[in-house]
Amino acid sequence: YGQNLLNNPWFHFVEPLSSFLQQVTWQRDTAVLRWDSWR
C-alpha cells in the first residue's frame, strides 16, 4: 500500500524524496504498488 506522502507537510522538506514526490500525481490517496509478480 502506497500513500500520497505530500499530504504530510514533513515530507515537503526531505530531499531528494520531496523533489520526486512533486513528479507524482495521485488520483487516490492510497494505491496498491508493486503489484506485478511472477506468481
All heavy atoms as atom14 arrays in JSON, in Angstrom:
{
  "sequence": "YGQNLLNNPWFHFVEPLSSFLQQVTWQRDTAVLRWDSWR",
  "atom14_mask": [
    [1, 1, 1, 1, 1, 1, 1, 1, 1, 1, 1, 1, 0, 0],
    [1, 1, 1, 1, 0, 0, 0, 0, 0, 0, 0, 0, 0, 0],
    [1, 1, 1, 1, 1, 1, 1, 1, 1, 0, 0, 0, 0, 0],
    [1, 1, 1, 1, 1, 1, 1, 1, 0, 0, 0, 0, 0, 0],
    [1, 1, 1, 1, 1, 1, 1, 1, 0, 0, 0, 0, 0, 0],
    [1, 1, 1, 1, 1, 1, 1, 1, 0, 0, 0, 0, 0, 0],
    [1, 1, 1, 1, 1, 1, 1, 1, 0, 0, 0, 0, 0, 0],
    [1, 1, 1, 1, 1, 1, 1, 1, 0, 0, 0, 0, 0, 0],
    [1, 1, 1, 1, 1, 1, 1, 0, 0, 0, 0, 0, 0, 0],
    [1, 1, 1, 1, 1, 1, 1, 1, 1, 1, 1, 1, 1, 1],
    [1, 1, 1, 1, 1, 1, 1, 1, 1, 1, 1, 0, 0, 0],
    [1, 1, 1, 1, 1, 1, 1, 1, 1, 1, 0, 0, 0, 0],
    [1, 1, 1, 1, 1, 1, 1, 1, 1, 1, 1, 0, 0, 0],
    [1, 1, 1, 1, 1, 1, 1, 0, 0, 0, 0, 0, 0, 0],
    [1, 1, 1, 1, 1, 1, 1, 1, 1, 0, 0, 0, 0, 0],
    [1, 1, 1, 1, 1, 1, 1, 0, 0, 0, 0, 0, 0, 0],
    [1, 1, 1, 1, 1, 1, 1, 1, 0, 0, 0, 0, 0, 0],
    [1, 1, 1, 1, 1, 1, 0, 0, 0, 0, 0, 0, 0, 0],
    [1, 1, 1, 1, 1, 1, 0, 0, 0, 0, 0, 0, 0, 0],
    [1, 1, 1, 1, 1, 1, 1, 1, 1, 1, 1, 0, 0, 0],
    [1, 1, 1, 1, 1, 1, 1, 1, 0, 0, 0, 0, 0, 0],
    [1, 1, 1, 1, 1, 1, 1, 1, 1, 0, 0, 0, 0, 0],
    [1, 1, 1, 1, 1, 1, 1, 1, 1, 0, 0, 0, 0, 0],
    [1, 1, 1, 1, 1, 1, 1, 0, 0, 0, 0, 0, 0, 0],
    [1, 1, 1, 1, 1, 1, 1, 0, 0, 0, 0, 0, 0, 0],
    [1, 1, 1, 1, 1, 1, 1, 1, 1, 1, 1, 1, 1, 1],
    [1, 1, 1, 1, 1, 1, 1, 1, 1, 0, 0, 0, 0, 0],
    [1, 1, 1, 1, 1, 1, 1, 1, 1, 1, 1, 0, 0, 0],
    [1, 1, 1, 1, 1, 1, 1, 1, 0, 0, 0, 0, 0, 0],
    [1, 1, 1, 1, 1, 1, 1, 0, 0, 0, 0, 0, 0, 0],
    [1, 1, 1, 1, 1, 0, 0, 0, 0, 0, 0, 0, 0, 0],
    [1, 1, 1, 1, 1, 1, 1, 0, 0, 0, 0, 0, 0, 0],
    [1, 1, 1, 1, 1, 1, 1, 1, 0, 0, 0, 0, 0, 0],
    [1, 1, 1, 1, 1, 1, 1, 1, 1, 1, 1, 0, 0, 0],
    [1, 1, 1, 1, 1, 1, 1, 1, 1, 1, 1, 1, 1, 1],
    [1, 1, 1, 1, 1, 1, 1, 1, 0, 0, 0, 0, 0, 0],
    [1, 1, 1, 1, 1, 1, 0, 0, 0, 0, 0, 0, 0, 0],
    [1, 1, 1, 1, 1, 1, 1, 1, 1, 1, 1, 1, 1, 1],
    [1, 1, 1, 1, 1, 1, 1, 1, 1, 1, 1, 0, 0, 0]
  ],
  "atom14_positions": [
    [[0.84, -1.19, 0.0], [0.0, 0.0, 0.0], [0.88, 1.25, 0.0], [1.69, 1.46, 0.91], [-0.91, 0.01, 1.22], [-1.8, -1.21, 1.33], [-1.6, -2.16, 2.33], [-2.83, -1.42, 0.42], [-2.41, -3.27, 2.43], [-3.65, -2.54, 0.51], [-3.43, -3.46, 1.51], [-4.24, -4.57, 1.6], [0.0, 0.0, 0.0], [0.0, 0.0, 0.0]],
    [[0.74, 2.06, -1.03], [1.46, 3.33, -1.09], [0.49, 4.48, -0.87], [-0.68, 4.4, -1.23], [0.0, 0.0, 0.0], [0.0, 0.0, 0.0], [0.0, 0.0, 0.0], [0.0, 0.0, 0.0], [0.0, 0.0, 0.0], [0.0, 0.0, 0.0], [0.0, 0.0, 0.0], [0.0, 0.0, 0.0], [0.0, 0.0, 0.0], [0.0, 0.0, 0.0]],
    [[0.99, 5.55, -0.25], [0.14, 6.71, 0.04], [0.8, 7.99, -0.43], [2.03, 8.07, -0.58], [-0.15, 6.79, 1.55], [-1.0, 5.64, 2.06], [-1.44, 5.86, 3.49], [-0.62, 6.11, 4.37], [-2.75, 5.78, 3.73], [0.0, 0.0, 0.0], [0.0, 0.0, 0.0], [0.0, 0.0, 0.0], [0.0, 0.0, 0.0], [0.0, 0.0, 0.0]],
    [[-0.02, 9.0, -0.66], [0.46, 10.3, -1.09], [1.13, 11.0, 0.09], [0.47, 11.6, 0.95], [-0.7, 11.13, -1.62], [-0.23, 12.48, -2.16], [0.96, 12.8, -2.13], [-1.17, 13.27, -2.65], [0.0, 0.0, 0.0], [0.0, 0.0, 0.0], [0.0, 0.0, 0.0], [0.0, 0.0, 0.0], [0.0, 0.0, 0.0], [0.0, 0.0, 0.0]],
    [[2.45, 10.91, 0.14], [3.18, 11.46, 1.28], [3.14, 12.99, 1.34], [3.41, 13.56, 2.4], [4.64, 10.98, 1.23], [4.84, 9.47, 1.34], [6.32, 9.13, 1.32], [4.18, 8.9, 2.59], [0.0, 0.0, 0.0], [0.0, 0.0, 0.0], [0.0, 0.0, 0.0], [0.0, 0.0, 0.0], [0.0, 0.0, 0.0], [0.0, 0.0, 0.0]],
    [[2.8, 13.64, 0.25], [2.73, 15.1, 0.27], [1.57, 15.6, 1.11], [1.49, 16.8, 1.4], [2.64, 15.65, -1.15], [3.94, 15.59, -1.96], [3.73, 16.2, -3.34], [5.08, 16.3, -1.24], [0.0, 0.0, 0.0], [0.0, 0.0, 0.0], [0.0, 0.0, 0.0], [0.0, 0.0, 0.0], [0.0, 0.0, 0.0], [0.0, 0.0, 0.0]],
    [[0.67, 14.7, 1.49], [-0.39, 15.09, 2.42], [0.16, 15.31, 3.83], [-0.53, 15.83, 4.69], [-1.49, 14.03, 2.46], [-2.34, 14.05, 1.21], [-2.4, 15.06, 0.5], [-2.99, 12.93, 0.91], [0.0, 0.0, 0.0], [0.0, 0.0, 0.0], [0.0, 0.0, 0.0], [0.0, 0.0, 0.0], [0.0, 0.0, 0.0], [0.0, 0.0, 0.0]],
    [[1.4, 14.89, 4.03], [2.1, 15.14, 5.3], [3.14, 16.24, 5.06], [4.11, 16.03, 4.33], [2.78, 13.85, 5.78], [3.45, 14.01, 7.13], [3.78, 15.11, 7.56], [3.68, 12.89, 7.8], [0.0, 0.0, 0.0], [0.0, 0.0, 0.0], [0.0, 0.0, 0.0], [0.0, 0.0, 0.0], [0.0, 0.0, 0.0], [0.0, 0.0, 0.0]],
    [[2.98, 17.43, 5.65], [3.9, 18.54, 5.38], [5.37, 18.22, 5.66], [6.26, 18.83, 5.07], [3.4, 19.65, 6.31], [1.96, 19.32, 6.56], [1.89, 17.82, 6.56], [0.0, 0.0, 0.0], [0.0, 0.0, 0.0], [0.0, 0.0, 0.0], [0.0, 0.0, 0.0], [0.0, 0.0, 0.0], [0.0, 0.0, 0.0], [0.0, 0.0, 0.0]],
    [[5.64, 17.27, 6.54], [7.03, 16.96, 6.87], [7.81, 16.52, 5.65], [8.99, 16.86, 5.51], [7.05, 15.85, 7.94], [8.43, 15.55, 8.45], [9.12, 16.22, 9.42], [9.3, 14.5, 8.0], [10.37, 15.65, 9.61], [10.5, 14.59, 8.75], [9.19, 13.49, 7.04], [11.56, 13.71, 8.57], [10.24, 12.61, 6.87], [11.41, 12.72, 7.62]],
    [[7.17, 15.79, 4.73], [7.87, 15.26, 3.56], [8.17, 16.33, 2.52], [8.93, 16.08, 1.58], [7.06, 14.12, 2.93], [7.04, 12.87, 3.76], [5.92, 12.54, 4.51], [8.14, 12.04, 3.81], [5.91, 11.39, 5.29], [8.13, 10.88, 4.58], [7.01, 10.56, 5.32], [0.0, 0.0, 0.0], [0.0, 0.0, 0.0], [0.0, 0.0, 0.0]],
    [[7.6, 17.53, 2.66], [7.9, 18.61, 1.72], [9.34, 19.09, 1.86], [9.85, 19.78, 0.97], [6.95, 19.79, 1.96], [5.54, 19.51, 1.54], [4.89, 20.26, 0.59], [4.67, 18.55, 1.92], [3.66, 19.8, 0.42], [3.5, 18.76, 1.22], [0.0, 0.0, 0.0], [0.0, 0.0, 0.0], [0.0, 0.0, 0.0], [0.0, 0.0, 0.0]],
    [[10.0, 18.75, 2.95], [11.33, 19.29, 3.22], [12.4, 18.2, 3.28], [13.52, 18.47, 3.7], [11.3, 20.07, 4.55], [10.23, 21.12, 4.59], [9.02, 20.89, 5.25], [10.4, 22.33, 3.93], [8.02, 21.84, 5.28], [9.4, 23.3, 3.96], [8.21, 23.06, 4.63], [0.0, 0.0, 0.0], [0.0, 0.0, 0.0], [0.0, 0.0, 0.0]],
    [[12.05, 17.0, 2.85], [13.0, 15.89, 2.86], [13.48, 15.63, 1.43], [12.7, 15.21, 0.58], [12.36, 14.61, 3.44], [13.36, 13.45, 3.43], [11.87, 14.87, 4.86], [0.0, 0.0, 0.0], [0.0, 0.0, 0.0], [0.0, 0.0, 0.0], [0.0, 0.0, 0.0], [0.0, 0.0, 0.0], [0.0, 0.0, 0.0], [0.0, 0.0, 0.0]],
    [[14.74, 15.93, 1.16], [15.29, 15.71, -0.18], [16.18, 14.45, -0.18], [16.79, 14.12, 0.84], [16.12, 16.94, -0.61], [15.29, 18.19, -0.86], [14.38, 18.05, -2.07], [14.51, 17.07, -2.83], [13.53, 18.94, -2.25], [0.0, 0.0, 0.0], [0.0, 0.0, 0.0], [0.0, 0.0, 0.0], [0.0, 0.0, 0.0], [0.0, 0.0, 0.0]],
    [[16.22, 13.74, -1.33], [15.6, 14.06, -2.62], [14.16, 13.58, -2.74], [13.55, 13.72, -3.8], [16.5, 13.31, -3.61], [16.95, 12.12, -2.85], [17.11, 12.56, -1.42], [0.0, 0.0, 0.0], [0.0, 0.0, 0.0], [0.0, 0.0, 0.0], [0.0, 0.0, 0.0], [0.0, 0.0, 0.0], [0.0, 0.0, 0.0], [0.0, 0.0, 0.0]],
    [[13.62, 13.01, -1.65], [12.25, 12.49, -1.7], [11.25, 13.54, -2.14], [10.4, 13.3, -2.98], [11.87, 11.93, -0.33], [10.42, 11.47, -0.16], [10.08, 10.36, -1.15], [10.17, 11.0, 1.27], [0.0, 0.0, 0.0], [0.0, 0.0, 0.0], [0.0, 0.0, 0.0], [0.0, 0.0, 0.0], [0.0, 0.0, 0.0], [0.0, 0.0, 0.0]],
    [[11.37, 14.75, -1.6], [10.4, 15.8, -1.92], [10.37, 16.11, -3.41], [9.31, 16.26, -4.01], [10.7, 17.06, -1.11], [9.81, 18.09, -1.44], [0.0, 0.0, 0.0], [0.0, 0.0, 0.0], [0.0, 0.0, 0.0], [0.0, 0.0, 0.0], [0.0, 0.0, 0.0], [0.0, 0.0, 0.0], [0.0, 0.0, 0.0], [0.0, 0.0, 0.0]],
    [[11.55, 16.2, -4.03], [11.6, 16.5, -5.47], [10.93, 15.4, -6.27], [10.22, 15.67, -7.25], [13.06, 16.66, -5.91], [13.64, 17.79, -5.3], [0.0, 0.0, 0.0], [0.0, 0.0, 0.0], [0.0, 0.0, 0.0], [0.0, 0.0, 0.0], [0.0, 0.0, 0.0], [0.0, 0.0, 0.0], [0.0, 0.0, 0.0], [0.0, 0.0, 0.0]],
    [[11.15, 14.15, -5.88], [10.49, 13.06, -6.58], [8.98, 13.13, -6.4], [8.22, 12.96, -7.35], [11.02, 11.71, -6.08], [10.21, 10.54, -6.58], [10.36, 10.09, -7.87], [9.27, 9.92, -5.75], [9.6, 9.02, -8.35], [8.51, 8.86, -6.21], [8.68, 8.41, -7.51], [0.0, 0.0, 0.0], [0.0, 0.0, 0.0], [0.0, 0.0, 0.0]],
    [[8.53, 13.36, -5.18], [7.09, 13.38, -4.92], [6.37, 14.46, -5.72], [5.19, 14.31, -6.05], [6.84, 13.59, -3.42], [7.3, 12.46, -2.49], [7.06, 12.84, -1.04], [6.61, 11.15, -2.83], [0.0, 0.0, 0.0], [0.0, 0.0, 0.0], [0.0, 0.0, 0.0], [0.0, 0.0, 0.0], [0.0, 0.0, 0.0], [0.0, 0.0, 0.0]],
    [[7.09, 15.52, -6.06], [6.49, 16.57, -6.89], [6.2, 16.08, -8.31], [5.44, 16.72, -9.05], [7.42, 17.79, -6.95], [7.71, 18.45, -5.6], [6.49, 19.05, -4.96], [5.55, 19.46, -5.63], [6.49, 19.13, -3.63], [0.0, 0.0, 0.0], [0.0, 0.0, 0.0], [0.0, 0.0, 0.0], [0.0, 0.0, 0.0], [0.0, 0.0, 0.0]],
    [[6.83, 14.97, -8.69], [6.63, 14.41, -10.03], [5.49, 13.39, -10.07], [5.22, 12.81, -11.12], [7.92, 13.73, -10.51], [9.15, 14.61, -10.49], [9.0, 15.8, -11.41], [8.59, 15.65, -12.56], [9.33, 16.98, -10.91], [0.0, 0.0, 0.0], [0.0, 0.0, 0.0], [0.0, 0.0, 0.0], [0.0, 0.0, 0.0], [0.0, 0.0, 0.0]],
    [[4.84, 13.17, -8.94], [3.81, 12.13, -8.84], [2.44, 12.76, -8.66], [2.27, 13.66, -7.83], [4.1, 11.18, -7.65], [3.06, 10.07, -7.59], [5.5, 10.58, -7.78], [0.0, 0.0, 0.0], [0.0, 0.0, 0.0], [0.0, 0.0, 0.0], [0.0, 0.0, 0.0], [0.0, 0.0, 0.0], [0.0, 0.0, 0.0], [0.0, 0.0, 0.0]],
    [[1.49, 12.29, -9.45], [0.1, 12.77, -9.36], [-0.78, 11.63, -8.88], [-0.8, 10.54, -9.48], [-0.4, 13.27, -10.72], [0.45, 14.32, -11.18], [-1.83, 13.77, -10.61], [0.0, 0.0, 0.0], [0.0, 0.0, 0.0], [0.0, 0.0, 0.0], [0.0, 0.0, 0.0], [0.0, 0.0, 0.0], [0.0, 0.0, 0.0], [0.0, 0.0, 0.0]],
    [[-1.49, 11.87, -7.8], [-2.36, 10.85, -7.21], [-3.82, 11.15, -7.54], [-4.28, 12.26, -7.33], [-2.2, 10.8, -5.71], [-0.86, 10.32, -5.24], [0.3, 11.02, -5.23], [-0.56, 9.02, -4.72], [1.32, 10.25, -4.73], [0.82, 9.01, -4.4], [-1.33, 7.87, -4.48], [1.45, 7.89, -3.87], [-0.7, 6.76, -3.94], [0.67, 6.77, -3.64]],
    [[-4.54, 10.14, -8.03], [-5.99, 10.26, -8.17], [-6.69, 9.75, -6.91], [-7.84, 10.09, -6.66], [-6.47, 9.48, -9.39], [-6.03, 10.07, -10.71], [-6.66, 9.37, -11.88], [-7.74, 8.79, -11.77], [-6.0, 9.4, -13.03], [0.0, 0.0, 0.0], [0.0, 0.0, 0.0], [0.0, 0.0, 0.0], [0.0, 0.0, 0.0], [0.0, 0.0, 0.0]],
    [[-5.99, 8.9, -6.17], [-6.46, 8.45, -4.87], [-5.3, 8.59, -3.9], [-4.14, 8.5, -4.29], [-6.9, 6.98, -4.92], [-8.1, 6.71, -5.8], [-8.47, 5.24, -5.77], [-9.65, 4.95, -6.56], [-10.13, 3.72, -6.76], [-9.53, 2.69, -6.18], [-11.2, 3.53, -7.5], [0.0, 0.0, 0.0], [0.0, 0.0, 0.0], [0.0, 0.0, 0.0]],
    [[-5.6, 8.79, -2.63], [-4.53, 8.98, -1.64], [-3.82, 7.69, -1.28], [-2.74, 7.72, -0.68], [-5.09, 9.65, -0.38], [-5.4, 11.12, -0.62], [-4.83, 11.7, -1.56], [-6.22, 11.67, 0.13], [0.0, 0.0, 0.0], [0.0, 0.0, 0.0], [0.0, 0.0, 0.0], [0.0, 0.0, 0.0], [0.0, 0.0, 0.0], [0.0, 0.0, 0.0]],
    [[-4.42, 6.56, -1.63], [-3.8, 5.25, -1.37], [-3.94, 4.39, -2.62], [-5.0, 4.37, -3.25], [-4.47, 4.54, -0.18], [-4.36, 5.36, 0.98], [-3.82, 3.19, 0.09], [0.0, 0.0, 0.0], [0.0, 0.0, 0.0], [0.0, 0.0, 0.0], [0.0, 0.0, 0.0], [0.0, 0.0, 0.0], [0.0, 0.0, 0.0], [0.0, 0.0, 0.0]],
    [[-2.86, 3.7, -2.98], [-2.88, 2.82, -4.15], [-2.03, 1.6, -3.86], [-1.13, 1.63, -3.02], [-2.36, 3.55, -5.39], [0.0, 0.0, 0.0], [0.0, 0.0, 0.0], [0.0, 0.0, 0.0], [0.0, 0.0, 0.0], [0.0, 0.0, 0.0], [0.0, 0.0, 0.0], [0.0, 0.0, 0.0], [0.0, 0.0, 0.0], [0.0, 0.0, 0.0]],
    [[-2.32, 0.51, -4.57], [-1.53, -0.72, -4.45], [-0.39, -0.66, -5.47], [-0.62, -0.58, -6.67], [-2.38, -1.97, -4.68], [-1.52, -3.24, -4.61], [-3.51, -2.05, -3.64], [0.0, 0.0, 0.0], [0.0, 0.0, 0.0], [0.0, 0.0, 0.0], [0.0, 0.0, 0.0], [0.0, 0.0, 0.0], [0.0, 0.0, 0.0], [0.0, 0.0, 0.0]],
    [[0.84, -0.69, -4.97], [2.03, -0.6, -5.81], [2.76, -1.94, -5.8], [2.46, -2.81, -5.0], [2.93, 0.52, -5.32], [2.25, 1.88, -5.08], [3.24, 2.9, -4.53], [1.6, 2.39, -6.37], [0.0, 0.0, 0.0], [0.0, 0.0, 0.0], [0.0, 0.0, 0.0], [0.0, 0.0, 0.0], [0.0, 0.0, 0.0], [0.0, 0.0, 0.0]],
    [[3.73, -2.09, -6.72], [4.5, -3.33, -6.85], [3.56, -4.55, -6.95], [3.77, -5.58, -6.33], [5.46, -3.49, -5.67], [6.51, -4.59, -5.87], [7.29, -4.86, -4.6], [8.07, -6.09, -4.69], [8.67, -6.68, -3.66], [8.59, -6.15, -2.46], [9.35, -7.79, -3.83], [0.0, 0.0, 0.0], [0.0, 0.0, 0.0], [0.0, 0.0, 0.0]],
    [[2.52, -4.43, -7.75], [1.5, -5.47, -7.78], [1.82, -6.59, -8.78], [1.28, -7.69, -8.69], [0.15, -4.86, -8.14], [0.19, -4.08, -9.43], [0.41, -2.74, -9.56], [0.06, -4.6, -10.75], [0.42, -2.39, -10.89], [0.21, -3.51, -11.63], [-0.17, -5.87, -11.27], [0.13, -3.65, -13.02], [-0.24, -6.02, -12.65], [-0.1, -4.92, -13.5]],
    [[2.68, -6.32, -9.76], [3.03, -7.34, -10.75], [3.98, -8.35, -10.11], [4.83, -7.98, -9.3], [3.67, -6.7, -11.97], [3.59, -7.57, -13.21], [3.07, -8.7, -13.11], [4.07, -7.14, -14.28], [0.0, 0.0, 0.0], [0.0, 0.0, 0.0], [0.0, 0.0, 0.0], [0.0, 0.0, 0.0], [0.0, 0.0, 0.0], [0.0, 0.0, 0.0]],
    [[3.86, -9.62, -10.5], [4.71, -10.65, -9.89], [4.78, -11.86, -10.8], [3.9, -12.1, -11.62], [4.18, -11.06, -8.52], [2.97, -11.79, -8.66], [0.0, 0.0, 0.0], [0.0, 0.0, 0.0], [0.0, 0.0, 0.0], [0.0, 0.0, 0.0], [0.0, 0.0, 0.0], [0.0, 0.0, 0.0], [0.0, 0.0, 0.0], [0.0, 0.0, 0.0]],
    [[5.85, -12.64, -10.63], [5.95, -13.91, -11.36], [4.79, -14.82, -10.99], [4.25, -15.53, -11.84], [7.27, -14.6, -11.05], [8.43, -13.99, -11.76], [8.63, -13.94, -13.11], [9.56, -13.35, -11.17], [9.82, -13.29, -13.4], [10.41, -12.92, -12.22], [9.94, -13.09, -9.86], [11.61, -12.26, -11.99], [11.13, -12.43, -9.63], [11.95, -12.02, -10.68]],
    [[4.42, -14.83, -9.73], [3.37, -15.74, -9.28], [2.1, -15.59, -10.12], [1.46, -16.58, -10.48], [3.06, -15.51, -7.79], [1.8, -16.17, -7.26], [1.75, -17.67, -7.5], [2.8, -18.38, -6.83], [2.71, -18.83, -5.58], [1.63, -18.62, -4.86], [3.71, -19.5, -5.05], [0.0, 0.0, 0.0], [0.0, 0.0, 0.0], [0.0, 0.0, 0.0]]
  ]
}
